[in-house]
Amino acid sequence: MKKTLIFLIFTLLTSCANKINDAKKSSSKNKIKLKIGPTWYENESEIDFIYGIKTAETEKNYITEFHFSFGGKTLCDTKKIVARIDFGTNENLILSDSINQLLPATKEIIKRVRNKSNVDFEFMNPNPGILAFTIEKVNLKPNGKKNKIYLSLSSDCKQILKLPINLTKYNVENIEKLYENYIASELSNHPKDELIHKKVIFSFNETLKSGNYIIDFVDQNNMLVLTFDKETNEYLIHNTEKKLLKRIKRST
């Protein structure tokens, strides 16, 4: 009887251990990674991508790069991950397919497909450790208008994420003016509980006129990232290496 009881306990413990291991394996198989510009997605409810240039031509057509990277593991049988940019009512931001051609080296694993107000990037991921670095060029004018888009990630068997992103461009002197003005005009109106779930990326760029367009020289290395510290009631400005550059006290 004692031997039987010991055997049953051993069997039960082994079964539980196997279930725990299976759960860990299942969790590890569904790890999807997303990077917006220079910063990793960390369960934010919203991301603001704020561009700045110094120009006298605010109503010209622009070519502005929106950078993101994605990849990882899925629970599906296939390795395909689809990143969809839903422009919604901001379809005017979408530039022609000829401007948004993919690099020849990536065409074997990434496919870009436009369907009305959606742009899909299909990534046939050859390795879970590889991320697809993707650029969508948009006609973002420096008029201070907020353009809400949605970036979603999905596999063949489920939607993994749908993230609202606000794209805005301002006509300003430098990147310091860019984040100072944005804090004063936009972030100061948000309650603190909203700010702790928001991340802001600032990108101030030089420009070049080319034909009918003005091109922004977007460089991730020069971008800054803002987060909010509720405990100290401060906005924190970091560079792409996560070095704290500045603390700005919130007035309210």
Protein backbone atom coordinates (compact mmCIF):
# COMPACT_ATOMS: atom_id res chain seq x y z
CA MET A 1 0.00 0.00 0.00
CA LYS A 2 2.79 2.37 0.95
CA LYS A 3 4.64 1.60 -2.31
CA THR A 4 1.45 2.20 -4.30
CA LEU A 5 0.88 5.56 -2.57
CA ILE A 6 4.48 6.64 -3.23
CA PHE A 7 4.11 5.63 -6.88
CA LEU A 8 0.87 7.66 -7.25
CA ILE A 9 2.46 10.74 -5.66
CA PHE A 10 5.50 10.40 -7.93
CA THR A 11 3.24 10.04 -11.00
CA LEU A 12 1.20 13.10 -9.99
CA LEU A 13 4.30 15.23 -9.44
CA THR A 14 5.77 14.10 -12.76
CA SER A 15 2.51 14.94 -14.54
CA CYS A 16 2.40 18.42 -12.96
CA ALA A 17 6.04 19.05 -13.87
CA ASN A 18 5.35 18.07 -17.47
CA LYS A 19 2.36 20.44 -17.63
CA ILE A 20 4.48 23.30 -16.26
CA ASN A 21 7.22 22.57 -18.79
CA ASP A 22 4.64 22.41 -21.60
CA ALA A 23 3.23 25.79 -20.52
CA LYS A 24 6.71 27.31 -20.53
CA LYS A 25 7.42 25.86 -23.96
CA SER A 26 4.06 27.14 -25.26
CA SER A 27 4.76 30.61 -23.87
CA SER A 28 8.25 30.71 -25.35
CA LYS A 29 6.92 29.71 -28.77
CA ASN A 30 4.68 32.78 -28.95
CA LYS A 31 7.23 35.51 -28.19
CA ILE A 32 6.73 38.30 -30.70
CA LYS A 33 9.07 41.29 -30.63
CA LEU A 34 8.29 44.79 -31.87
CA LYS A 35 10.51 47.84 -32.07
CA ILE A 36 9.17 51.29 -32.96
CA GLY A 37 12.02 53.48 -34.16
CA PRO A 38 14.82 52.98 -31.62
CA THR A 39 12.70 51.71 -28.72
CA TRP A 40 11.21 48.32 -27.85
CA TYR A 41 7.47 47.98 -27.39
CA GLU A 42 6.82 47.39 -23.67
CA ASN A 43 3.04 47.10 -23.36
CA GLU A 44 2.38 50.78 -23.95
CA SER A 45 -1.23 51.66 -24.73
CA GLU A 46 -0.15 54.32 -27.25
CA ILE A 47 2.99 55.65 -28.90
CA ASP A 48 3.50 59.16 -30.29
CA PHE A 49 6.08 59.49 -33.08
CA ILE A 50 6.89 63.20 -33.30
CA TYR A 51 9.00 64.58 -36.14
CA GLY A 52 10.50 68.04 -36.48
CA ILE A 53 12.14 70.01 -39.28
CA LYS A 54 13.05 73.62 -39.89
CA THR A 55 11.39 74.79 -43.10
CA ALA A 56 9.48 77.57 -44.80
CA GLU A 57 7.59 75.09 -47.01
CA THR A 58 4.99 73.54 -44.75
CA GLU A 59 2.50 72.56 -47.46
CA LYS A 60 4.87 70.75 -49.82
CA ASN A 61 4.75 66.97 -50.23
CA TYR A 62 7.18 65.11 -47.99
CA ILE A 63 8.87 61.74 -47.85
CA THR A 64 9.23 60.84 -44.17
CA GLU A 65 10.39 57.44 -42.95
CA PHE A 66 8.49 55.53 -40.28
CA HIS A 67 10.80 52.83 -38.89
CA PHE A 68 9.76 49.64 -37.13
CA SER A 69 11.09 46.11 -36.66
CA PHE A 70 9.23 42.92 -35.83
CA GLY A 71 9.75 39.17 -35.57
CA GLY A 72 9.93 36.32 -33.07
CA LYS A 73 8.11 33.04 -32.51
CA THR A 74 4.46 32.10 -33.10
CA LEU A 75 2.32 29.15 -32.06
CA CYS A 76 1.20 28.60 -35.65
CA ASP A 77 2.49 25.91 -37.95
CA THR A 78 3.74 28.54 -40.40
CA LYS A 79 6.47 31.04 -39.62
CA LYS A 80 4.69 33.97 -41.27
CA ILE A 81 4.10 37.15 -39.26
CA VAL A 82 2.13 40.03 -40.77
CA ALA A 83 2.57 43.65 -39.68
CA ARG A 84 -0.33 45.79 -40.86
CA ILE A 85 -0.39 49.58 -40.87
CA ASP A 86 -4.01 50.72 -40.89
CA PHE A 87 -4.05 54.36 -41.98
CA GLY A 88 -7.84 54.63 -41.63
CA THR A 89 -8.99 58.13 -42.52
CA ASN A 90 -5.35 59.23 -42.97
CA GLU A 91 -4.98 57.44 -46.30
CA ASN A 92 -3.47 60.65 -47.73
CA LEU A 93 -0.25 59.77 -45.86
CA ILE A 94 0.36 56.74 -48.09
CA LEU A 95 2.95 57.28 -50.81
CA SER A 96 3.11 55.36 -54.08
CA ASP A 97 4.44 51.81 -54.28
CA SER A 98 7.32 53.06 -56.43
CA ILE A 99 8.55 55.22 -53.53
CA ASN A 100 8.03 52.39 -51.04
CA GLN A 101 9.99 49.70 -52.85
CA LEU A 102 11.66 47.13 -50.61
CA LEU A 103 15.38 46.54 -50.70
CA PRO A 104 16.34 43.74 -53.14
CA ALA A 105 18.07 41.80 -50.35
CA THR A 106 14.83 41.55 -48.33
CA LYS A 107 12.37 40.63 -51.08
CA GLU A 108 12.79 36.90 -50.45
CA ILE A 109 11.46 37.10 -46.88
CA ILE A 110 9.40 40.33 -46.80
CA LYS A 111 6.48 41.25 -49.04
CA ARG A 112 4.73 44.64 -49.00
CA VAL A 113 1.09 44.71 -50.11
CA ARG A 114 -1.24 47.71 -50.15
CA ASN A 115 -5.00 47.27 -49.95
CA LYS A 116 -6.84 50.61 -49.89
CA SER A 117 -5.98 52.22 -46.53
CA ASN A 118 -3.95 49.24 -45.25
CA VAL A 119 -0.32 48.35 -45.91
CA ASP A 120 0.75 44.81 -45.00
CA PHE A 121 4.28 43.56 -44.49
CA GLU A 122 4.36 39.76 -44.73
CA PHE A 123 7.47 38.36 -43.07
CA MET A 124 8.35 34.72 -43.75
CA ASN A 125 10.56 34.47 -40.69
CA PRO A 126 13.40 32.01 -41.36
CA ASN A 127 14.65 32.23 -37.77
CA PRO A 128 12.89 33.37 -34.54
CA GLY A 129 16.00 35.38 -33.64
CA ILE A 130 15.77 37.53 -36.77
CA LEU A 131 13.80 40.79 -36.86
CA ALA A 132 12.49 42.37 -40.05
CA PHE A 133 13.64 46.01 -40.20
CA THR A 134 10.91 47.81 -42.12
CA ILE A 135 10.48 51.34 -43.43
CA GLU A 136 7.20 52.82 -44.62
CA LYS A 137 7.62 56.23 -46.25
CA VAL A 138 4.74 58.60 -45.62
CA ASN A 139 3.69 62.06 -46.80
CA LEU A 140 3.81 63.72 -43.39
CA LYS A 141 3.65 67.51 -43.56
CA PRO A 142 4.99 69.81 -40.81
CA ASN A 143 1.60 71.29 -39.95
CA GLY A 144 1.25 69.97 -36.40
CA LYS A 145 -1.69 67.71 -37.30
CA LYS A 146 -2.00 64.46 -35.35
CA ASN A 147 -2.44 61.47 -37.67
CA LYS A 148 -3.57 58.32 -35.87
CA ILE A 149 -2.64 54.99 -37.43
CA TYR A 150 -2.80 51.45 -36.06
CA LEU A 151 0.04 48.96 -36.23
CA SER A 152 -1.10 45.37 -35.76
CA LEU A 153 0.87 42.13 -35.67
CA SER A 154 -0.72 38.80 -36.50
CA SER A 155 0.21 35.24 -37.36
CA ASP A 156 -1.80 32.78 -39.44
CA CYS A 157 -3.73 31.69 -36.36
CA LYS A 158 -4.29 34.85 -34.28
CA GLN A 159 -3.93 38.62 -33.95
CA ILE A 160 -1.16 39.30 -31.46
CA LEU A 161 -1.20 43.06 -31.04
CA LYS A 162 -2.95 46.23 -32.21
CA LEU A 163 -1.14 49.42 -31.22
CA PRO A 164 -2.33 53.02 -31.87
CA ILE A 165 0.46 55.31 -33.07
CA ASN A 166 0.18 59.07 -33.58
CA LEU A 167 2.35 60.55 -36.34
CA THR A 168 2.90 64.32 -36.16
CA LYS A 169 5.44 66.70 -37.66
CA TYR A 170 6.24 70.25 -36.53
CA ASN A 171 8.17 73.16 -37.98
CA VAL A 172 10.66 73.99 -35.19
CA GLU A 173 14.21 75.23 -34.64
CA ASN A 174 15.72 72.12 -33.03
CA ILE A 175 14.93 68.94 -31.12
CA GLU A 176 14.87 70.74 -27.74
CA LYS A 177 12.10 73.04 -29.00
CA LEU A 178 10.35 69.99 -30.43
CA TYR A 179 9.96 68.14 -27.13
CA GLU A 180 9.46 71.29 -25.04
CA ASN A 181 6.61 72.49 -27.27
CA TYR A 182 5.04 69.03 -27.38
CA ILE A 183 5.07 68.69 -23.61
CA ALA A 184 3.48 72.12 -23.20
CA SER A 185 0.86 71.82 -25.94
CA GLU A 186 -0.04 68.12 -25.81
CA LEU A 187 1.22 66.11 -22.84
CA SER A 188 0.29 68.66 -20.19
CA ASN A 189 -3.37 68.07 -21.11
CA HIS A 190 -3.19 64.34 -20.35
CA PRO A 191 -3.92 62.94 -16.87
CA LYS A 192 -1.00 61.22 -15.16
CA ASP A 193 -2.57 57.77 -15.38
CA GLU A 194 -2.57 58.03 -19.18
CA LEU A 195 1.02 59.24 -19.38
CA ILE A 196 2.50 56.20 -17.61
CA HIS A 197 1.21 54.02 -20.47
CA LYS A 198 2.44 56.34 -23.22
CA LYS A 199 5.83 56.59 -24.91
CA VAL A 200 6.92 59.46 -27.17
CA ILE A 201 9.66 59.33 -29.81
CA PHE A 202 11.18 62.58 -31.10
CA SER A 203 13.00 62.78 -34.43
CA PHE A 204 14.42 66.11 -35.65
CA ASN A 205 15.84 65.92 -39.17
CA GLU A 206 17.59 67.78 -41.95
CA THR A 207 15.81 67.87 -45.31
CA LEU A 208 16.60 67.78 -49.02
CA LYS A 209 14.39 68.84 -51.92
CA SER A 210 14.09 66.18 -54.64
CA GLY A 211 11.70 66.80 -57.53
CA ASN A 212 8.19 67.38 -56.17
CA TYR A 213 9.10 66.14 -52.69
CA ILE A 214 11.08 67.23 -49.66
CA ILE A 215 12.91 64.28 -48.10
CA ASP A 216 13.56 64.00 -44.36
CA PHE A 217 16.89 62.45 -43.41
CA VAL A 218 15.51 60.31 -40.59
CA ASP A 219 18.27 58.91 -38.35
CA GLN A 220 17.39 56.61 -35.45
CA ASN A 221 20.68 57.40 -33.72
CA ASN A 222 19.56 61.00 -33.19
CA MET A 223 16.10 60.19 -31.84
CA LEU A 224 15.05 60.85 -28.26
CA VAL A 225 12.52 58.91 -26.18
CA LEU A 226 10.22 60.41 -23.54
CA THR A 227 8.55 58.51 -20.72
CA PHE A 228 6.73 59.72 -17.61
CA ASP A 229 7.69 58.94 -14.00
CA LYS A 230 4.55 59.15 -11.89
CA GLU A 231 6.45 58.91 -8.60
CA THR A 232 8.57 62.01 -9.24
CA ASN A 233 6.00 63.72 -11.52
CA GLU A 234 8.66 64.17 -14.20
CA TYR A 235 9.08 63.67 -17.92
CA LEU A 236 12.28 61.71 -18.62
CA ILE A 237 14.21 62.26 -21.86
CA HIS A 238 16.57 59.46 -22.93
CA ASN A 239 18.76 58.95 -25.97
CA THR A 240 18.75 55.72 -28.00
CA GLU A 241 21.31 54.18 -25.62
CA LYS A 242 18.88 54.74 -22.72
CA LYS A 243 21.08 57.43 -21.18
CA LEU A 244 19.01 59.92 -19.20
CA LEU A 245 19.56 63.36 -20.72
CA LYS A 246 16.98 65.50 -18.99
CA ARG A 247 14.26 65.59 -16.35
CA ILE A 248 11.37 67.99 -16.85
CA LYS A 249 9.02 68.61 -13.94
CA ARG A 250 5.33 68.42 -14.77
CA SER A 251 3.57 71.61 -13.72
CA THR A 252 0.32 69.97 -12.60
